[in-house]
Amino acid sequence: MENHGSILIENRKKAKMPEKKAKKGKLMGRNSPKDKPETKQEVFKRAFDDMCKGLNRFGPKEILNLMVIHSHRDDVVHQLLTRFPTVVALGDFLNTLPVHKVDKRTFRRLERSGCIV
Protein backbone atom coordinates (compact mmCIF):
# COMPACT_ATOMS: atom_id res chain seq x y z
CA MET A 1 0.00 0.00 0.00
CA GLU A 2 2.81 2.39 0.75
CA ASN A 3 4.22 1.96 -2.72
CA HIS A 4 0.85 2.72 -4.26
CA GLY A 5 0.61 6.01 -2.34
CA SER A 6 4.10 7.08 -3.35
CA ILE A 7 3.28 6.42 -7.02
CA LEU A 8 0.27 8.73 -6.80
CA ILE A 9 2.38 11.50 -5.27
CA GLU A 10 4.98 11.13 -8.03
CA ASN A 11 2.28 11.28 -10.69
CA ARG A 12 0.94 14.52 -9.23
CA LYS A 13 4.36 16.13 -9.46
CA LYS A 14 4.72 15.15 -13.11
CA ALA A 15 1.36 16.62 -14.10
CA LYS A 16 1.57 19.71 -16.24
CA MET A 17 0.38 23.00 -14.91
CA PRO A 18 -2.66 24.36 -16.72
CA GLU A 19 -2.00 27.09 -19.26
CA LYS A 20 -2.86 30.63 -18.38
CA LYS A 21 -6.30 31.73 -19.41
CA ALA A 22 -6.80 34.82 -21.48
CA LYS A 23 -7.97 37.87 -19.62
CA LYS A 24 -11.42 39.12 -20.43
CA GLY A 25 -11.40 40.97 -23.74
CA LYS A 26 -7.91 39.80 -24.74
CA LEU A 27 -6.94 36.85 -26.91
CA MET A 28 -3.80 34.87 -26.20
CA GLY A 29 -1.33 34.04 -28.92
CA ARG A 30 -2.24 36.97 -31.15
CA ASN A 31 0.14 39.40 -32.83
CA SER A 32 2.06 41.64 -30.54
CA PRO A 33 1.55 45.40 -30.87
CA LYS A 34 4.83 45.79 -32.75
CA ASP A 35 3.46 43.62 -35.60
CA LYS A 36 0.34 45.71 -36.01
CA PRO A 37 0.43 48.38 -38.71
CA GLU A 38 0.19 51.97 -37.54
CA THR A 39 -1.49 53.75 -40.44
CA LYS A 40 -4.07 53.02 -43.11
CA GLN A 41 -1.35 53.19 -45.76
CA GLU A 42 0.60 50.42 -44.03
CA VAL A 43 -2.54 48.27 -43.82
CA PHE A 44 -3.24 48.78 -47.51
CA LYS A 45 0.41 48.17 -48.50
CA ARG A 46 0.50 44.90 -46.53
CA ALA A 47 -2.80 43.78 -48.07
CA PHE A 48 -1.59 44.72 -51.56
CA ASP A 49 1.63 42.74 -51.08
CA ASP A 50 -0.35 39.73 -49.86
CA MET A 51 -2.67 39.99 -52.87
CA CYS A 52 0.31 39.99 -55.24
CA LYS A 53 1.80 36.94 -53.50
CA GLY A 54 -1.57 35.19 -53.84
CA LEU A 55 -1.69 36.03 -57.54
CA ASN A 56 1.69 34.39 -58.02
CA ARG A 57 0.70 31.31 -56.06
CA PHE A 58 -2.97 30.68 -56.91
CA GLY A 59 -3.57 32.63 -60.09
CA PRO A 60 -5.86 35.55 -60.92
CA LYS A 61 -9.12 33.59 -61.19
CA GLU A 62 -8.96 32.15 -57.68
CA ILE A 63 -7.88 35.45 -56.10
CA LEU A 64 -10.66 37.31 -57.91
CA ASN A 65 -13.24 34.80 -56.63
CA LEU A 66 -11.98 35.20 -53.05
CA MET A 67 -11.99 38.98 -53.29
CA VAL A 68 -15.51 39.13 -54.69
CA ILE A 69 -16.79 36.84 -51.95
CA HIS A 70 -15.21 38.85 -49.12
CA SER A 71 -15.39 42.40 -50.49
CA HIS A 72 -18.83 43.15 -49.02
CA ARG A 73 -17.56 42.48 -45.48
CA ASP A 74 -14.04 43.92 -45.60
CA ASP A 75 -13.26 47.49 -46.67
CA VAL A 76 -9.61 46.73 -47.43
CA VAL A 77 -10.55 43.89 -49.80
CA HIS A 78 -13.13 46.18 -51.39
CA GLN A 79 -10.41 48.77 -52.08
CA LEU A 80 -8.08 46.07 -53.44
CA LEU A 81 -10.81 44.88 -55.78
CA THR A 82 -10.75 48.23 -57.57
CA ARG A 83 -7.00 47.81 -58.23
CA PHE A 84 -7.21 44.13 -59.15
CA PRO A 85 -7.67 44.50 -62.96
CA THR A 86 -4.69 46.85 -63.21
CA VAL A 87 -2.40 44.51 -61.26
CA VAL A 88 -3.44 41.45 -63.29
CA ALA A 89 -3.04 43.31 -66.58
CA LEU A 90 0.40 44.57 -65.54
CA GLY A 91 1.44 41.06 -64.47
CA ASP A 92 0.25 39.59 -67.79
CA PHE A 93 2.21 42.26 -69.65
CA LEU A 94 5.39 41.70 -67.65
CA ASN A 95 5.19 37.92 -68.21
CA THR A 96 5.58 38.50 -71.95
CA LEU A 97 8.88 40.36 -71.54
CA PRO A 98 12.15 38.42 -71.75
CA VAL A 99 14.06 37.61 -68.56
CA HIS A 100 17.49 39.21 -68.20
CA LYS A 101 19.92 37.57 -65.81
CA VAL A 102 22.26 39.84 -63.85
CA ASP A 103 25.09 39.18 -61.44
CA LYS A 104 24.79 39.80 -57.68
CA ARG A 105 26.65 43.11 -57.82
CA THR A 106 24.31 44.56 -60.45
CA PHE A 107 21.29 43.19 -58.57
CA ARG A 108 22.35 44.92 -55.33
CA ARG A 109 22.98 48.16 -57.21
CA LEU A 110 19.50 47.99 -58.77
CA GLU A 111 17.98 47.33 -55.32
CA ARG A 112 19.72 50.38 -53.83
CA SER A 113 18.59 52.58 -56.70
CA GLY A 114 14.96 51.52 -56.17
CA CYS A 115 14.46 49.76 -59.52
CA ILE A 116 13.90 46.43 -57.76
CA VAL A 117 11.74 46.14 -54.68
C-alpha atoms as a PDB file:
ATOM      1  CA  MET A   1       0.000   0.000   0.000  1.00  0.00           C
ATOM      2  CA  GLU A   2       2.806   2.388   0.748  1.00  0.00           C
ATOM      3  CA  ASN A   3       4.221   1.956  -2.725  1.00  0.00           C
ATOM      4  CA  HIS A   4       0.852   2.722  -4.257  1.00  0.00           C
ATOM      5  CA  GLY A   5       0.610   6.015  -2.337  1.00  0.00           C
ATOM      6  CA  SER A   6       4.103   7.082  -3.349  1.00  0.00           C
ATOM      7  CA  ILE A   7       3.283   6.424  -7.023  1.00  0.00           C
ATOM      8  CA  LEU A   8       0.268   8.735  -6.798  1.00  0.00           C
ATOM      9  CA  ILE A   9       2.377  11.500  -5.275  1.00  0.00           C
ATOM     10  CA  GLU A  10       4.984  11.130  -8.026  1.00  0.00           C
ATOM     11  CA  ASN A  11       2.281  11.276 -10.691  1.00  0.00           C
ATOM     12  CA  ARG A  12       0.940  14.517  -9.231  1.00  0.00           C
ATOM     13  CA  LYS A  13       4.355  16.125  -9.458  1.00  0.00           C
ATOM     14  CA  LYS A  14       4.720  15.153 -13.107  1.00  0.00           C
ATOM     15  CA  ALA A  15       1.359  16.619 -14.102  1.00  0.00           C
ATOM     16  CA  LYS A  16       1.569  19.712 -16.244  1.00  0.00           C
ATOM     17  CA  MET A  17       0.384  23.002 -14.905  1.00  0.00           C
ATOM     18  CA  PRO A  18      -2.662  24.360 -16.720  1.00  0.00           C
ATOM     19  CA  GLU A  19      -1.998  27.089 -19.263  1.00  0.00           C
ATOM     20  CA  LYS A  20      -2.859  30.633 -18.381  1.00  0.00           C
ATOM     21  CA  LYS A  21      -6.299  31.725 -19.415  1.00  0.00           C
ATOM     22  CA  ALA A  22      -6.802  34.821 -21.480  1.00  0.00           C
ATOM     23  CA  LYS A  23      -7.973  37.869 -19.624  1.00  0.00           C
ATOM     24  CA  LYS A  24     -11.422  39.123 -20.427  1.00  0.00           C
ATOM     25  CA  GLY A  25     -11.398  40.968 -23.739  1.00  0.00           C
ATOM     26  CA  LYS A  26      -7.914  39.798 -24.744  1.00  0.00           C
ATOM     27  CA  LEU A  27      -6.936  36.851 -26.914  1.00  0.00           C
ATOM     28  CA  MET A  28      -3.802  34.872 -26.201  1.00  0.00           C
ATOM     29  CA  GLY A  29      -1.327  34.041 -28.916  1.00  0.00           C
ATOM     30  CA  ARG A  30      -2.235  36.975 -31.154  1.00  0.00           C
ATOM     31  CA  ASN A  31       0.142  39.404 -32.833  1.00  0.00           C
ATOM     32  CA  SER A  32       2.060  41.635 -30.542  1.00  0.00           C
ATOM     33  CA  PRO A  33       1.546  45.400 -30.865  1.00  0.00           C
ATOM     34  CA  LYS A  34       4.833  45.791 -32.751  1.00  0.00           C
ATOM     35  CA  ASP A  35       3.462  43.622 -35.605  1.00  0.00           C
ATOM     36  CA  LYS A  36       0.339  45.711 -36.005  1.00  0.00           C
ATOM     37  CA  PRO A  37       0.429  48.378 -38.714  1.00  0.00           C
ATOM     38  CA  GLU A  38       0.186  51.969 -37.544  1.00  0.00           C
ATOM     39  CA  THR A  39      -1.488  53.752 -40.444  1.00  0.00           C
ATOM     40  CA  LYS A  40      -4.065  53.015 -43.108  1.00  0.00           C
ATOM     41  CA  GLN A  41      -1.351  53.187 -45.765  1.00  0.00           C
ATOM     42  CA  GLU A  42       0.595  50.421 -44.026  1.00  0.00           C
ATOM     43  CA  VAL A  43      -2.541  48.273 -43.819  1.00  0.00           C
ATOM     44  CA  PHE A  44      -3.241  48.783 -47.515  1.00  0.00           C
ATOM     45  CA  LYS A  45       0.412  48.166 -48.496  1.00  0.00           C
ATOM     46  CA  ARG A  46       0.497  44.896 -46.531  1.00  0.00           C
ATOM     47  CA  ALA A  47      -2.804  43.778 -48.071  1.00  0.00           C
ATOM     48  CA  PHE A  48      -1.594  44.722 -51.555  1.00  0.00           C
ATOM     49  CA  ASP A  49       1.630  42.741 -51.083  1.00  0.00           C
ATOM     50  CA  ASP A  50      -0.354  39.728 -49.861  1.00  0.00           C
ATOM     51  CA  MET A  51      -2.674  39.991 -52.872  1.00  0.00           C
ATOM     52  CA  CYS A  52       0.310  39.988 -55.239  1.00  0.00           C
ATOM     53  CA  LYS A  53       1.795  36.938 -53.496  1.00  0.00           C
ATOM     54  CA  GLY A  54      -1.570  35.192 -53.835  1.00  0.00           C
ATOM     55  CA  LEU A  55      -1.690  36.026 -57.542  1.00  0.00           C
ATOM     56  CA  ASN A  56       1.692  34.395 -58.020  1.00  0.00           C
ATOM     57  CA  ARG A  57       0.699  31.309 -56.064  1.00  0.00           C
ATOM     58  CA  PHE A  58      -2.970  30.677 -56.909  1.00  0.00           C
ATOM     59  CA  GLY A  59      -3.574  32.631 -60.089  1.00  0.00           C
ATOM     60  CA  PRO A  60      -5.863  35.553 -60.916  1.00  0.00           C
ATOM     61  CA  LYS A  61      -9.117  33.594 -61.195  1.00  0.00           C
ATOM     62  CA  GLU A  62      -8.962  32.148 -57.680  1.00  0.00           C
ATOM     63  CA  ILE A  63      -7.882  35.446 -56.102  1.00  0.00           C
ATOM     64  CA  LEU A  64     -10.660  37.307 -57.908  1.00  0.00           C
ATOM     65  CA  ASN A  65     -13.241  34.802 -56.631  1.00  0.00           C
ATOM     66  CA  LEU A  66     -11.982  35.198 -53.046  1.00  0.00           C
ATOM     67  CA  MET A  67     -11.988  38.980 -53.292  1.00  0.00           C
ATOM     68  CA  VAL A  68     -15.513  39.128 -54.693  1.00  0.00           C
ATOM     69  CA  ILE A  69     -16.794  36.836 -51.946  1.00  0.00           C
ATOM     70  CA  HIS A  70     -15.215  38.849 -49.118  1.00  0.00           C
ATOM     71  CA  SER A  71     -15.391  42.401 -50.488  1.00  0.00           C
ATOM     72  CA  HIS A  72     -18.832  43.146 -49.022  1.00  0.00           C
ATOM     73  CA  ARG A  73     -17.559  42.481 -45.481  1.00  0.00           C
ATOM     74  CA  ASP A  74     -14.042  43.919 -45.600  1.00  0.00           C
ATOM     75  CA  ASP A  75     -13.261  47.488 -46.669  1.00  0.00           C
ATOM     76  CA  VAL A  76      -9.607  46.727 -47.429  1.00  0.00           C
ATOM     77  CA  VAL A  77     -10.552  43.892 -49.795  1.00  0.00           C
ATOM     78  CA  HIS A  78     -13.133  46.185 -51.393  1.00  0.00           C
ATOM     79  CA  GLN A  79     -10.410  48.772 -52.075  1.00  0.00           C
ATOM     80  CA  LEU A  80      -8.078  46.074 -53.440  1.00  0.00           C
ATOM     81  CA  LEU A  81     -10.810  44.879 -55.775  1.00  0.00           C
ATOM     82  CA  THR A  82     -10.748  48.234 -57.573  1.00  0.00           C
ATOM     83  CA  ARG A  83      -7.001  47.807 -58.228  1.00  0.00           C
ATOM     84  CA  PHE A  84      -7.215  44.133 -59.149  1.00  0.00           C
ATOM     85  CA  PRO A  85      -7.670  44.499 -62.960  1.00  0.00           C
ATOM     86  CA  THR A  86      -4.692  46.850 -63.209  1.00  0.00           C
ATOM     87  CA  VAL A  87      -2.405  44.508 -61.256  1.00  0.00           C
ATOM     88  CA  VAL A  88      -3.435  41.454 -63.288  1.00  0.00           C
ATOM     89  CA  ALA A  89      -3.039  43.309 -66.583  1.00  0.00           C
ATOM     90  CA  LEU A  90       0.402  44.569 -65.540  1.00  0.00           C
ATOM     91  CA  GLY A  91       1.439  41.062 -64.468  1.00  0.00           C
ATOM     92  CA  ASP A  92       0.255  39.593 -67.788  1.00  0.00           C
ATOM     93  CA  PHE A  93       2.214  42.257 -69.652  1.00  0.00           C
ATOM     94  CA  LEU A  94       5.392  41.698 -67.645  1.00  0.00           C
ATOM     95  CA  ASN A  95       5.187  37.920 -68.213  1.00  0.00           C
ATOM     96  CA  THR A  96       5.581  38.496 -71.955  1.00  0.00           C
ATOM     97  CA  LEU A  97       8.884  40.362 -71.541  1.00  0.00           C
ATOM     98  CA  PRO A  98      12.153  38.423 -71.746  1.00  0.00           C
ATOM     99  CA  VAL A  99      14.063  37.615 -68.565  1.00  0.00           C
ATOM    100  CA  HIS A 100      17.490  39.211 -68.201  1.00  0.00           C
ATOM    101  CA  LYS A 101      19.919  37.574 -65.809  1.00  0.00           C
ATOM    102  CA  VAL A 102      22.263  39.844 -63.853  1.00  0.00           C
ATOM    103  CA  ASP A 103      25.093  39.179 -61.439  1.00  0.00           C
ATOM    104  CA  LYS A 104      24.794  39.799 -57.683  1.00  0.00           C
ATOM    105  CA  ARG A 105      26.652  43.112 -57.816  1.00  0.00           C
ATOM    106  CA  THR A 106      24.309  44.560 -60.449  1.00  0.00           C
ATOM    107  CA  PHE A 107      21.293  43.187 -58.575  1.00  0.00           C
ATOM    108  CA  ARG A 108      22.355  44.918 -55.328  1.00  0.00           C
ATOM    109  CA  ARG A 109      22.982  48.163 -57.210  1.00  0.00           C
ATOM    110  CA  LEU A 110      19.501  47.991 -58.765  1.00  0.00           C
ATOM    111  CA  GLU A 111      17.983  47.330 -55.323  1.00  0.00           C
ATOM    112  CA  ARG A 112      19.720  50.379 -53.827  1.00  0.00           C
ATOM    113  CA  SER A 113      18.588  52.584 -56.698  1.00  0.00           C
ATOM    114  CA  GLY A 114      14.965  51.516 -56.167  1.00  0.00           C
ATOM    115  CA  CYS A 115      14.465  49.765 -59.516  1.00  0.00           C
ATOM    116  CA  ILE A 116      13.898  46.434 -57.757  1.00  0.00           C
ATOM    117  CA  VAL A 117      11.739  46.141 -54.683  1.00  0.00           C
END
